[in-house]
Amino acid sequence: RAPELADALRALGGGPPRMLGYGDTRNPQASPGRPRLIDALLD
């Protein structure tokens, strides 16, 4: 769904998305194979 997110940001004037690639707890397809943001090291 990354293209959908980019389109929404463009429509809102937010510029291109800066996706850091962490997994999302509620949406496993957001970043398959990557650690969830909540589990990543703070630093």
Full PDB file with SEQRES, HELIX, SHEET, SSBOND, CRYST1, ORIGX, SCALE, CONECT and MASTER records, all heavy atoms in Angstrom:
SEQRES   1 A   43  ARG ALA PRO GLU LEU ALA ASP ALA LEU ARG ALA LEU GLY          
SEQRES   2 A   43  GLY GLY PRO PRO ARG MET LEU GLY TYR GLY ASP THR ARG          
SEQRES   3 A   43  ASN PRO GLN ALA SER PRO GLY ARG PRO ARG LEU ILE ASP          
SEQRES   4 A   43  ALA LEU LEU ASP                                              
HELIX    1 AA1 ALA A    2  LEU A   12  1                                  11    
HELIX    2 AA2 PRO A   28  ALA A   30  5                                   3    
HELIX    3 AA3 LEU A   37  ASP A   39  5                                   3    
CRYST1    1.000    1.000    1.000  90.00  90.00  90.00 P 1           1          
ORIGX1      1.000000  0.000000  0.000000        0.00000                         
ORIGX2      0.000000  1.000000  0.000000        0.00000                         
ORIGX3      0.000000  0.000000  1.000000        0.00000                         
SCALE1      1.000000  0.000000  0.000000        0.00000                         
SCALE2      0.000000  1.000000  0.000000        0.00000                         
SCALE3      0.000000  0.000000  1.000000        0.00000                         
ATOM      1  N   ARG A   1       0.808  -1.220   0.000  1.00  0.00           N  
ATOM      2  CA  ARG A   1       0.000   0.000   0.000  1.00  0.00           C  
ATOM      3  C   ARG A   1       0.840   1.267   0.000  1.00  0.00           C  
ATOM      4  O   ARG A   1       0.317   2.369   0.155  1.00  0.00           O  
ATOM      5  CB  ARG A   1      -0.941  -0.021   1.202  1.00  0.00           C  
ATOM      6  CG  ARG A   1      -1.967  -1.167   1.074  1.00  0.00           C  
ATOM      7  CD  ARG A   1      -2.970  -1.175   2.144  1.00  0.00           C  
ATOM      8  NE  ARG A   1      -3.831  -0.001   2.033  1.00  0.00           N  
ATOM      9  CZ  ARG A   1      -4.713   0.352   2.939  1.00  0.00           C  
ATOM     10  NH1 ARG A   1      -4.874  -0.378   4.018  1.00  0.00           N  
ATOM     11  NH2 ARG A   1      -5.455   1.419   2.777  1.00  0.00           N  
ATOM     12  N   ALA A   2       2.148   1.130  -0.213  1.00  0.00           N  
ATOM     13  CA  ALA A   2       3.024   2.305  -0.238  1.00  0.00           C  
ATOM     14  C   ALA A   2       2.606   3.326  -1.303  1.00  0.00           C  
ATOM     15  O   ALA A   2       2.616   4.530  -1.021  1.00  0.00           O  
ATOM     16  CB  ALA A   2       4.479   1.886  -0.425  1.00  0.00           C  
ATOM     17  N   PRO A   3       2.227   2.893  -2.515  1.00  0.00           N  
ATOM     18  CA  PRO A   3       1.784   3.896  -3.507  1.00  0.00           C  
ATOM     19  C   PRO A   3       0.552   4.680  -3.042  1.00  0.00           C  
ATOM     20  O   PRO A   3       0.437   5.881  -3.298  1.00  0.00           O  
ATOM     21  CB  PRO A   3       1.463   3.055  -4.751  1.00  0.00           C  
ATOM     22  CG  PRO A   3       2.284   1.818  -4.595  1.00  0.00           C  
ATOM     23  CD  PRO A   3       2.309   1.563  -3.105  1.00  0.00           C  
ATOM     24  N   GLU A   4      -0.344   4.007  -2.333  1.00  0.00           N  
ATOM     25  CA  GLU A   4      -1.538   4.692  -1.811  1.00  0.00           C  
ATOM     26  C   GLU A   4      -1.142   5.751  -0.793  1.00  0.00           C  
ATOM     27  O   GLU A   4      -1.671   6.867  -0.794  1.00  0.00           O  
ATOM     28  CB  GLU A   4      -2.466   3.657  -1.172  1.00  0.00           C  
ATOM     29  CG  GLU A   4      -3.735   4.230  -0.614  1.00  0.00           C  
ATOM     30  CD  GLU A   4      -4.603   3.171   0.050  1.00  0.00           C  
ATOM     31  OE1 GLU A   4      -4.439   1.967  -0.214  1.00  0.00           O  
ATOM     32  OE2 GLU A   4      -5.454   3.572   0.851  1.00  0.00           O  
ATOM     33  N   LEU A   5      -0.196   5.420   0.075  1.00  0.00           N  
ATOM     34  CA  LEU A   5       0.284   6.374   1.070  1.00  0.00           C  
ATOM     35  C   LEU A   5       0.942   7.571   0.379  1.00  0.00           C  
ATOM     36  O   LEU A   5       0.681   8.724   0.741  1.00  0.00           O  
ATOM     37  CB  LEU A   5       1.276   5.705   2.020  1.00  0.00           C  
ATOM     38  CG  LEU A   5       1.987   6.613   3.012  1.00  0.00           C  
ATOM     39  CD1 LEU A   5       0.990   7.246   3.975  1.00  0.00           C  
ATOM     40  CD2 LEU A   5       3.040   5.838   3.778  1.00  0.00           C  
ATOM     41  N   ALA A   6       1.771   7.308  -0.629  1.00  0.00           N  
ATOM     42  CA  ALA A   6       2.430   8.394  -1.358  1.00  0.00           C  
ATOM     43  C   ALA A   6       1.403   9.296  -2.040  1.00  0.00           C  
ATOM     44  O   ALA A   6       1.540  10.522  -2.016  1.00  0.00           O  
ATOM     45  CB  ALA A   6       3.402   7.816  -2.379  1.00  0.00           C  
ATOM     46  N   ASP A   7       0.372   8.705  -2.633  1.00  0.00           N  
ATOM     47  CA  ASP A   7      -0.681   9.495  -3.277  1.00  0.00           C  
ATOM     48  C   ASP A   7      -1.417  10.364  -2.263  1.00  0.00           C  
ATOM     49  O   ASP A   7      -1.724  11.526  -2.540  1.00  0.00           O  
ATOM     50  CB  ASP A   7      -1.685   8.583  -3.990  1.00  0.00           C  
ATOM     51  CG  ASP A   7      -1.128   7.951  -5.250  1.00  0.00           C  
ATOM     52  OD1 ASP A   7      -0.072   8.417  -5.739  1.00  0.00           O  
ATOM     53  OD2 ASP A   7      -1.732   6.972  -5.730  1.00  0.00           O  
ATOM     54  N   ALA A   8      -1.709   9.808  -1.097  1.00  0.00           N  
ATOM     55  CA  ALA A   8      -2.420  10.569  -0.061  1.00  0.00           C  
ATOM     56  C   ALA A   8      -1.575  11.748   0.416  1.00  0.00           C  
ATOM     57  O   ALA A   8      -2.079  12.864   0.564  1.00  0.00           O  
ATOM     58  CB  ALA A   8      -2.780   9.662   1.111  1.00  0.00           C  
ATOM     59  N   LEU A   9      -0.282  11.519   0.630  1.00  0.00           N  
ATOM     60  CA  LEU A   9       0.594  12.608   1.068  1.00  0.00           C  
ATOM     61  C   LEU A   9       0.691  13.695  -0.003  1.00  0.00           C  
ATOM     62  O   LEU A   9       0.686  14.883   0.304  1.00  0.00           O  
ATOM     63  CB  LEU A   9       1.989  12.069   1.395  1.00  0.00           C  
ATOM     64  CG  LEU A   9       2.112  11.383   2.735  1.00  0.00           C  
ATOM     65  CD1 LEU A   9       3.458  10.689   2.859  1.00  0.00           C  
ATOM     66  CD2 LEU A   9       1.939  12.387   3.866  1.00  0.00           C  
ATOM     67  N   ARG A  10       0.789  13.273  -1.251  1.00  0.00           N  
ATOM     68  CA  ARG A  10       0.863  14.232  -2.348  1.00  0.00           C  
ATOM     69  C   ARG A  10      -0.413  15.079  -2.403  1.00  0.00           C  
ATOM     70  O   ARG A  10      -0.361  16.286  -2.555  1.00  0.00           O  
ATOM     71  CB  ARG A  10       1.082  13.484  -3.664  1.00  0.00           C  
ATOM     72  CG  ARG A  10       1.520  14.344  -4.805  1.00  0.00           C  
ATOM     73  CD  ARG A  10       1.920  13.596  -6.083  1.00  0.00           C  
ATOM     74  NE  ARG A  10       1.523  12.211  -6.222  1.00  0.00           N  
ATOM     75  CZ  ARG A  10       2.307  11.156  -5.928  1.00  0.00           C  
ATOM     76  NH1 ARG A  10       3.533  11.344  -5.469  1.00  0.00           N  
ATOM     77  NH2 ARG A  10       1.866   9.930  -6.104  1.00  0.00           N  
ATOM     78  N   ALA A  11      -1.569  14.438  -2.231  1.00  0.00           N  
ATOM     79  CA  ALA A  11      -2.852  15.153  -2.256  1.00  0.00           C  
ATOM     80  C   ALA A  11      -2.954  16.155  -1.110  1.00  0.00           C  
ATOM     81  O   ALA A  11      -3.568  17.208  -1.248  1.00  0.00           O  
ATOM     82  CB  ALA A  11      -4.011  14.164  -2.193  1.00  0.00           C  
ATOM     83  N   LEU A  12      -2.334  15.832   0.011  1.00  0.00           N  
ATOM     84  CA  LEU A  12      -2.377  16.710   1.177  1.00  0.00           C  
ATOM     85  C   LEU A  12      -1.255  17.739   1.181  1.00  0.00           C  
ATOM     86  O   LEU A  12      -1.164  18.559   2.087  1.00  0.00           O  
ATOM     87  CB  LEU A  12      -2.301  15.876   2.465  1.00  0.00           C  
ATOM     88  CG  LEU A  12      -3.494  14.966   2.720  1.00  0.00           C  
ATOM     89  CD1 LEU A  12      -3.208  14.022   3.886  1.00  0.00           C  
ATOM     90  CD2 LEU A  12      -4.737  15.795   3.005  1.00  0.00           C  
ATOM     91  N   GLY A  13      -0.365  17.662   0.188  1.00  0.00           N  
ATOM     92  CA  GLY A  13       0.744  18.605   0.116  1.00  0.00           C  
ATOM     93  C   GLY A  13       1.857  18.279   1.080  1.00  0.00           C  
ATOM     94  O   GLY A  13       2.651  19.146   1.429  1.00  0.00           O  
ATOM     95  N   GLY A  14       1.939  17.038   1.494  1.00  0.00           N  
ATOM     96  CA  GLY A  14       2.936  16.639   2.480  1.00  0.00           C  
ATOM     97  C   GLY A  14       4.267  16.219   1.909  1.00  0.00           C  
ATOM     98  O   GLY A  14       5.184  15.899   2.642  1.00  0.00           O  
ATOM     99  N   GLY A  15       4.406  16.209   0.598  1.00  0.00           N  
ATOM    100  CA  GLY A  15       5.667  15.797   0.001  1.00  0.00           C  
ATOM    101  C   GLY A  15       5.797  14.287  -0.028  1.00  0.00           C  
ATOM    102  O   GLY A  15       4.882  13.562   0.366  1.00  0.00           O  
ATOM    103  N   PRO A  16       6.934  13.800  -0.461  1.00  0.00           N  
ATOM    104  CA  PRO A  16       7.113  12.360  -0.563  1.00  0.00           C  
ATOM    105  C   PRO A  16       7.235  11.713   0.822  1.00  0.00           C  
ATOM    106  O   PRO A  16       7.759  12.333   1.753  1.00  0.00           O  
ATOM    107  CB  PRO A  16       8.405  12.207  -1.357  1.00  0.00           C  
ATOM    108  CG  PRO A  16       9.155  13.466  -1.115  1.00  0.00           C  
ATOM    109  CD  PRO A  16       8.113  14.529  -0.922  1.00  0.00           C  
ATOM    110  N   PRO A  17       6.777  10.484   0.942  1.00  0.00           N  
ATOM    111  CA  PRO A  17       6.895   9.805   2.240  1.00  0.00           C  
ATOM    112  C   PRO A  17       8.346   9.428   2.517  1.00  0.00           C  
ATOM    113  O   PRO A  17       9.122   9.176   1.602  1.00  0.00           O  
ATOM    114  CB  PRO A  17       6.031   8.555   2.069  1.00  0.00           C  
ATOM    115  CG  PRO A  17       5.991   8.316   0.604  1.00  0.00           C  
ATOM    116  CD  PRO A  17       6.099   9.660  -0.043  1.00  0.00           C  
ATOM    117  N   ARG A  18       8.693   9.419   3.773  1.00  0.00           N  
ATOM    118  CA  ARG A  18      10.008   8.954   4.220  1.00  0.00           C  
ATOM    119  C   ARG A  18       9.766   7.702   5.046  1.00  0.00           C  
ATOM    120  O   ARG A  18       9.593   7.777   6.259  1.00  0.00           O  
ATOM    121  CB  ARG A  18      10.706  10.042   5.017  1.00  0.00           C  
ATOM    122  CG  ARG A  18      11.076  11.235   4.160  1.00  0.00           C  
ATOM    123  CD  ARG A  18      11.736  12.311   4.970  1.00  0.00           C  
ATOM    124  NE  ARG A  18      10.795  12.919   5.918  1.00  0.00           N  
ATOM    125  CZ  ARG A  18      10.159  14.057   5.726  1.00  0.00           C  
ATOM    126  NH1 ARG A  18      10.357  14.725   4.637  1.00  0.00           N  
ATOM    127  NH2 ARG A  18       9.344  14.534   6.627  1.00  0.00           N  
ATOM    128  N   MET A  19       9.745   6.593   4.365  1.00  0.00           N  
ATOM    129  CA  MET A  19       9.421   5.324   5.007  1.00  0.00           C  
ATOM    130  C   MET A  19      10.680   4.713   5.604  1.00  0.00           C  
ATOM    131  O   MET A  19      11.660   4.496   4.900  1.00  0.00           O  
ATOM    132  CB  MET A  19       8.797   4.381   3.992  1.00  0.00           C  
ATOM    133  CG  MET A  19       7.512   4.931   3.425  1.00  0.00           C  
ATOM    134  SD  MET A  19       6.815   3.813   2.230  1.00  0.00           S  
ATOM    135  CE  MET A  19       5.968   4.972   1.189  1.00  0.00           C  
ATOM    136  N   LEU A  20      10.648   4.463   6.895  1.00  0.00           N  
ATOM    137  CA  LEU A  20      11.819   3.916   7.571  1.00  0.00           C  
ATOM    138  C   LEU A  20      11.824   2.396   7.588  1.00  0.00           C  
ATOM    139  O   LEU A  20      12.810   1.787   7.964  1.00  0.00           O  
ATOM    140  CB  LEU A  20      11.918   4.470   8.992  1.00  0.00           C  
ATOM    141  CG  LEU A  20      12.073   5.985   9.078  1.00  0.00           C  
ATOM    142  CD1 LEU A  20      12.222   6.416  10.525  1.00  0.00           C  
ATOM    143  CD2 LEU A  20      13.252   6.470   8.257  1.00  0.00           C  
ATOM    144  N   GLY A  21      10.718   1.781   7.178  1.00  0.00           N  
ATOM    145  CA  GLY A  21      10.714   0.348   6.983  1.00  0.00           C  
ATOM    146  C   GLY A  21      10.505  -0.522   8.200  1.00  0.00           C  
ATOM    147  O   GLY A  21      10.747  -1.723   8.139  1.00  0.00           O  
ATOM    148  N   TYR A  22      10.060   0.020   9.290  1.00  0.00           N  
ATOM    149  CA  TYR A  22       9.783  -0.820  10.457  1.00  0.00           C  
ATOM    150  C   TYR A  22       8.427  -1.483  10.310  1.00  0.00           C  
ATOM    151  O   TYR A  22       7.528  -0.951   9.667  1.00  0.00           O  
ATOM    152  CB  TYR A  22       9.818   0.004  11.750  1.00  0.00           C  
ATOM    153  CG  TYR A  22      11.193   0.488  12.085  1.00  0.00           C  
ATOM    154  CD1 TYR A  22      11.557   1.799  11.857  1.00  0.00           C  
ATOM    155  CD2 TYR A  22      12.139  -0.385  12.609  1.00  0.00           C  
ATOM    156  CE1 TYR A  22      12.835   2.246  12.143  1.00  0.00           C  
ATOM    157  CE2 TYR A  22      13.419   0.056  12.905  1.00  0.00           C  
ATOM    158  CZ  TYR A  22      13.758   1.381  12.668  1.00  0.00           C  
ATOM    159  OH  TYR A  22      15.023   1.814  12.944  1.00  0.00           O  
ATOM    160  N   GLY A  23       8.297  -2.643  10.919  1.00  0.00           N  
ATOM    161  CA  GLY A  23       7.033  -3.351  10.883  1.00  0.00           C  
ATOM    162  C   GLY A  23       5.976  -2.655  11.718  1.00  0.00           C  
ATOM    163  O   GLY A  23       6.275  -1.958  12.689  1.00  0.00           O  
ATOM    164  N   ASP A  24       4.750  -2.833  11.330  1.00  0.00           N  
ATOM    165  CA  ASP A  24       3.604  -2.251  12.015  1.00  0.00           C  
ATOM    166  C   ASP A  24       2.860  -3.376  12.731  1.00  0.00           C  
ATOM    167  O   ASP A  24       2.546  -4.390  12.121  1.00  0.00           O  
ATOM    168  CB  ASP A  24       2.694  -1.588  10.980  1.00  0.00           C  
ATOM    169  CG  ASP A  24       1.555  -0.809  11.581  1.00  0.00           C  
ATOM    170  OD1 ASP A  24       1.031  -1.225  12.636  1.00  0.00           O  
ATOM    171  OD2 ASP A  24       1.165   0.203  10.999  1.00  0.00           O  
ATOM    172  N   THR A  25       2.578  -3.215  13.992  1.00  0.00           N  
ATOM    173  CA  THR A  25       1.923  -4.246  14.781  1.00  0.00           C  
ATOM    174  C   THR A  25       0.584  -4.658  14.189  1.00  0.00           C  
ATOM    175  O   THR A  25       0.253  -5.832  14.135  1.00  0.00           O  
ATOM    176  CB  THR A  25       1.704  -3.748  16.225  1.00  0.00           C  
ATOM    177  OG1 THR A  25       2.985  -3.402  16.765  1.00  0.00           O  
ATOM    178  CG2 THR A  25       1.087  -4.814  17.087  1.00  0.00           C  
ATOM    179  N   ARG A  26      -0.190  -3.714  13.724  1.00  0.00           N  
ATOM    180  CA  ARG A  26      -1.541  -4.015  13.227  1.00  0.00           C  
ATOM    181  C   ARG A  26      -1.583  -4.382  11.745  1.00  0.00           C  
ATOM    182  O   ARG A  26      -2.600  -4.827  11.258  1.00  0.00           O  
ATOM    183  CB  ARG A  26      -2.455  -2.820  13.471  1.00  0.00           C  
ATOM    184  CG  ARG A  26      -2.662  -2.561  14.931  1.00  0.00           C  
ATOM    185  CD  ARG A  26      -3.598  -1.404  15.123  1.00  0.00           C  
ATOM    186  NE  ARG A  26      -3.707  -1.097  16.540  1.00  0.00           N  
ATOM    187  CZ  ARG A  26      -4.313  -0.048  17.011  1.00  0.00           C  
ATOM    188  NH1 ARG A  26      -4.885   0.805  16.188  1.00  0.00           N  
ATOM    189  NH2 ARG A  26      -4.372   0.166  18.302  1.00  0.00           N  
ATOM    190  N   ASN A  27      -0.497  -4.163  11.038  1.00  0.00           N  
ATOM    191  CA  ASN A  27      -0.481  -4.440   9.607  1.00  0.00           C  
ATOM    192  C   ASN A  27       0.836  -5.124   9.240  1.00  0.00           C  
ATOM    193  O   ASN A  27       1.797  -4.465   8.856  1.00  0.00           O  
ATOM    194  CB  ASN A  27      -0.648  -3.145   8.816  1.00  0.00           C  
ATOM    195  CG  ASN A  27      -0.700  -3.368   7.334  1.00  0.00           C  
ATOM    196  OD1 ASN A  27      -0.632  -4.495   6.864  1.00  0.00           O  
ATOM    197  ND2 ASN A  27      -0.790  -2.296   6.591  1.00  0.00           N  
ATOM    198  N   PRO A  28       0.905  -6.451   9.338  1.00  0.00           N  
ATOM    199  CA  PRO A  28       2.152  -7.172   9.072  1.00  0.00           C  
ATOM    200  C   PRO A  28       2.674  -6.968   7.650  1.00  0.00           C  
ATOM    201  O   PRO A  28       3.860  -7.095   7.395  1.00  0.00           O  
ATOM    202  CB  PRO A  28       1.797  -8.630   9.307  1.00  0.00           C  
ATOM    203  CG  PRO A  28       0.445  -8.660   9.899  1.00  0.00           C  
ATOM    204  CD  PRO A  28      -0.187  -7.321   9.726  1.00  0.00           C  
ATOM    205  N   GLN A  29       1.799  -6.643   6.689  1.00  0.00           N  
ATOM    206  CA  GLN A  29       2.245  -6.428   5.317  1.00  0.00           C  
ATOM    207  C   GLN A  29       2.907  -5.064   5.120  1.00  0.00           C  
ATOM    208  O   GLN A  29       3.428  -4.782   4.046  1.00  0.00           O  
ATOM    209  CB  GLN A  29       1.066  -6.552   4.336  1.00  0.00           C  
ATOM    210  CG  GLN A  29       0.686  -7.981   4.041  1.00  0.00           C  
ATOM    211  CD  GLN A  29       0.001  -8.652   5.223  1.00  0.00           C  
ATOM    212  OE1 GLN A  29      -0.771  -8.027   5.933  1.00  0.00           O  
ATOM    213  NE2 GLN A  29       0.295  -9.917   5.440  1.00  0.00           N  
ATOM    214  N   ALA A  30       2.888  -4.223   6.143  1.00  0.00           N  
ATOM    215  CA  ALA A  30       3.484  -2.896   6.025  1.00  0.00           C  
ATOM    216  C   ALA A  30       4.980  -2.988   5.750  1.00  0.00           C  
ATOM    217  O   ALA A  30       5.535  -2.177   5.032  1.00  0.00           O  
ATOM    218  CB  ALA A  30       3.241  -2.077   7.290  1.00  0.00           C  
ATOM    219  N   SER A  31       5.641  -3.964   6.310  1.00  0.00           N  
ATOM    220  CA  SER A  31       7.077  -4.123   6.131  1.00  0.00           C  
ATOM    221  C   SER A  31       7.469  -5.553   6.481  1.00  0.00           C  
ATOM    222  O   SER A  31       8.041  -5.810   7.532  1.00  0.00           O  
ATOM    223  CB  SER A  31       7.805  -3.127   7.021  1.00  0.00           C  
ATOM    224  OG  SER A  31       9.140  -3.023   6.637  1.00  0.00           O  
ATOM    225  N   PRO A  32       7.141  -6.489   5.600  1.00  0.00           N  
ATOM    226  CA  PRO A  32       7.395  -7.896   5.895  1.00  0.00           C  
ATOM    227  C   PRO A  32       8.864  -8.192   6.165  1.00  0.00           C  
ATOM    228  O   PRO A  32       9.741  -7.678   5.486  1.00  0.00           O  
ATOM    229  CB  PRO A  32       6.924  -8.628   4.634  1.00  0.00           C  
ATOM    230  CG  PRO A  32       6.313  -7.624   3.750  1.00  0.00           C  
ATOM    231  CD  PRO A  32       6.607  -6.272   4.290  1.00  0.00           C  
ATOM    232  N   GLY A  33       9.103  -8.994   7.183  1.00  0.00           N  
ATOM    233  CA  GLY A  33      10.458  -9.414   7.505  1.00  0.00           C  
ATOM    234  C   GLY A  33      11.279  -8.415   8.287  1.00  0.00           C  
ATOM    235  O   GLY A  33      12.420  -8.685   8.643  1.00  0.00           O  
ATOM    236  N   ARG A  34      10.735  -7.257   8.581  1.00  0.00           N  
ATOM    237  CA  ARG A  34      11.462  -6.245   9.346  1.00  0.00           C  
ATOM    238  C   ARG A  34      10.943  -6.218  10.770  1.00  0.00           C  
ATOM    239  O   ARG A  34       9.799  -6.576  11.028  1.00  0.00           O  
ATOM    240  CB  ARG A  34      11.246  -4.858   8.725  1.00  0.00           C  
ATOM    241  CG  ARG A  34      11.836  -4.641   7.342  1.00  0.00           C  
ATOM    242  CD  ARG A  34      13.361  -4.550   7.339  1.00  0.00           C  
ATOM    243  NE  ARG A  34      13.910  -3.708   8.384  1.00  0.00           N  
ATOM    244  CZ  ARG A  34      14.272  -2.449   8.232  1.00  0.00           C  
ATOM    245  NH1 ARG A  34      14.140  -1.851   7.077  1.00  0.00           N  
ATOM    246  NH2 ARG A  34      14.772  -1.765   9.236  1.00  0.00           N  
ATOM    247  N   PRO A  35      11.765  -5.782  11.734  1.00  0.00           N  
ATOM    248  CA  PRO A  35      11.289  -5.708  13.119  1.00  0.00           C  
ATOM    249  C   PRO A  35      10.180  -4.669  13.266  1.00  0.00           C  
ATOM    250  O   PRO A  35      10.152  -3.680  12.525  1.00  0.00           O  
ATOM    251  CB  PRO A  35      12.530  -5.280  13.910  1.00  0.00           C  
ATOM    252  CG  PRO A  35      13.441  -4.658  12.921  1.00  0.00           C  
ATOM    253  CD  PRO A  35      13.137  -5.306  11.590  1.00  0.00           C  
ATOM    254  N   ARG A  36       9.285  -4.923  14.212  1.00  0.00           N  
ATOM    255  CA  ARG A  36       8.235  -3.937  14.494  1.00  0.00           C  
ATOM    256  C   ARG A  36       8.875  -2.711  15.126  1.00  0.00           C  
ATOM    257  O   ARG A  36       9.872  -2.816  15.840  1.00  0.00           O  
ATOM    258  CB  ARG A  36       7.206  -4.519  15.459  1.00  0.00           C  
ATOM    259  CG  ARG A  36       6.458  -5.698  14.914  1.00  0.00           C  
ATOM    260  CD  ARG A  36       5.436  -6.231  15.875  1.00  0.00           C  
ATOM    261  NE  ARG A  36       5.977  -6.367  17.241  1.00  0.00           N  
ATOM    262  CZ  ARG A  36       5.223  -6.486  18.327  1.00  0.00           C  
ATOM    263  NH1 ARG A  36       3.910  -6.478  18.232  1.00  0.00           N  
ATOM    264  NH2 ARG A  36       5.775  -6.613  19.504  1.00  0.00           N  
ATOM    265  N   LEU A  37       8.304  -1.562  14.882  1.00  0.00           N  
ATOM    266  CA  LEU A  37       8.826  -0.323  15.455  1.00  0.00           C  
ATOM    267  C   LEU A  37       8.916  -0.428  16.970  1.00  0.00           C  
ATOM    268  O   LEU A  37       9.917  -0.028  17.569  1.00  0.00           O  
ATOM    269  CB  LEU A  37       7.938   0.858  15.059  1.00  0.00           C  
ATOM    270  CG  LEU A  37       8.316   2.205  15.648  1.00  0.00           C  
ATOM    271  CD1 LEU A  37       9.701   2.638  15.195  1.00  0.00           C  
ATOM    272  CD2 LEU A  37       7.285   3.256  15.279  1.00  0.00           C  
ATOM    273  N   ILE A  38       7.910  -0.997  17.582  1.00  0.00           N  
ATOM    274  CA  ILE A  38       7.885  -1.095  19.043  1.00  0.00           C  
ATOM    275  C   ILE A  38       9.008  -1.988  19.593  1.00  0.00           C  
ATOM    276  O   ILE A  38       9.425  -1.842  20.732  1.00  0.00           O  
ATOM    277  CB  ILE A  38       6.501  -1.567  19.531  1.00  0.00           C  
ATOM    278  CG1 ILE A  38       6.354  -1.318  21.014  1.00  0.00           C  
ATOM    279  CG2 ILE A  38       6.273  -3.027  19.189  1.00  0.00           C  
ATOM    280  CD1 ILE A  38       4.935  -1.386  21.508  1.00  0.00           C  
ATOM    281  N   ASP A  39       9.529  -2.898  18.752  1.00  0.00           N  
ATOM    282  CA  ASP A  39      10.593  -3.808  19.183  1.00  0.00           C  
ATOM    283  C   ASP A  39      11.985  -3.318  18.814  1.00  0.00           C  
ATOM    284  O   ASP A  39      12.982  -3.901  19.242  1.00  0.00           O  
ATOM    285  CB  ASP A  39      10.382  -5.200  18.559  1.00  0.00           C  
ATOM    286  CG  ASP A  39       9.097  -5.848  19.022  1.00  0.00           C  
ATOM    287  OD1 ASP A  39       8.678  -5.594  20.169  1.00  0.00           O  
ATOM    288  OD2 ASP A  39       8.507  -6.613  18.236  1.00  0.00           O  
ATOM    289  N   ALA A  40      12.077  -2.285  18.011  1.00  0.00           N  
ATOM    290  CA  ALA A  40      13.375  -1.782  17.548  1.00  0.00           C  
ATOM    291  C   ALA A  40      14.098  -1.044  18.676  1.00  0.00           C  
ATOM    292  O   ALA A  40      13.469  -0.486  19.581  1.00  0.00           O  
ATOM    293  CB  ALA A  40      13.177  -0.853  16.359  1.00  0.00           C  
ATOM    294  N   LEU A  41      15.414  -1.045  18.588  1.00  0.00           N  
ATOM    295  CA  LEU A  41      16.216  -0.327  19.584  1.00  0.00           C  
ATOM    296  C   LEU A  41      16.009   1.173  19.427  1.00  0.00           C  
ATOM    297  O   LEU A  41      16.012   1.704  18.302  1.00  0.00           O  
ATOM    298  CB  LEU A  41      17.690  -0.654  19.399  1.00  0.00           C  
ATOM    299  CG  LEU A  41      18.085  -2.111  19.596  1.00  0.00           C  
ATOM    300  CD1 LEU A  41      19.542  -2.325  19.209  1.00  0.00           C  
ATOM    301  CD2 LEU A  41      17.851  -2.521  21.039  1.00  0.00           C  
ATOM    302  N   LEU A  42      15.828   1.854  20.545  1.00  0.00           N  
ATOM    303  CA  LEU A  42      15.550   3.290  20.528  1.00  0.00           C  
ATOM    304  C   LEU A  42      16.629   4.066  19.782  1.00  0.00           C  
ATOM    305  O   LEU A  42      16.329   4.924  18.953  1.00  0.00           O  
ATOM    306  CB  LEU A  42      15.387   3.823  21.949  1.00  0.00           C  
ATOM    307  CG  LEU A  42      15.111   5.314  22.070  1.00  0.00           C  
ATOM    308  CD1 LEU A  42      13.803   5.681  21.370  1.00  0.00           C  
ATOM    309  CD2 LEU A  42      15.084   5.743  23.522  1.00  0.00           C  
ATOM    310  N   ASP A  43      17.901   3.759  20.045  1.00  0.00           N  
ATOM    311  CA  ASP A  43      18.987   4.483  19.381  1.00  0.00           C  
ATOM    312  C   ASP A  43      18.939   4.290  17.867  1.00  0.00           C  
ATOM    313  O   ASP A  43      19.236   5.207  17.108  1.00  0.00           O  
ATOM    314  CB  ASP A  43      20.347   4.032  19.916  1.00  0.00           C  
ATOM    315  CG  ASP A  43      20.590   4.492  21.345  1.00  0.00           C  
ATOM    316  OD1 ASP A  43      19.876   5.410  21.804  1.00  0.00           O  
ATOM    317  OD2 ASP A  43      21.495   3.945  22.002  1.00  0.00           O  
TER     318      ASP A  43                                                      
MASTER        0    0    0    3    0    0    0    6  317    1    0    4          
END                                                                             
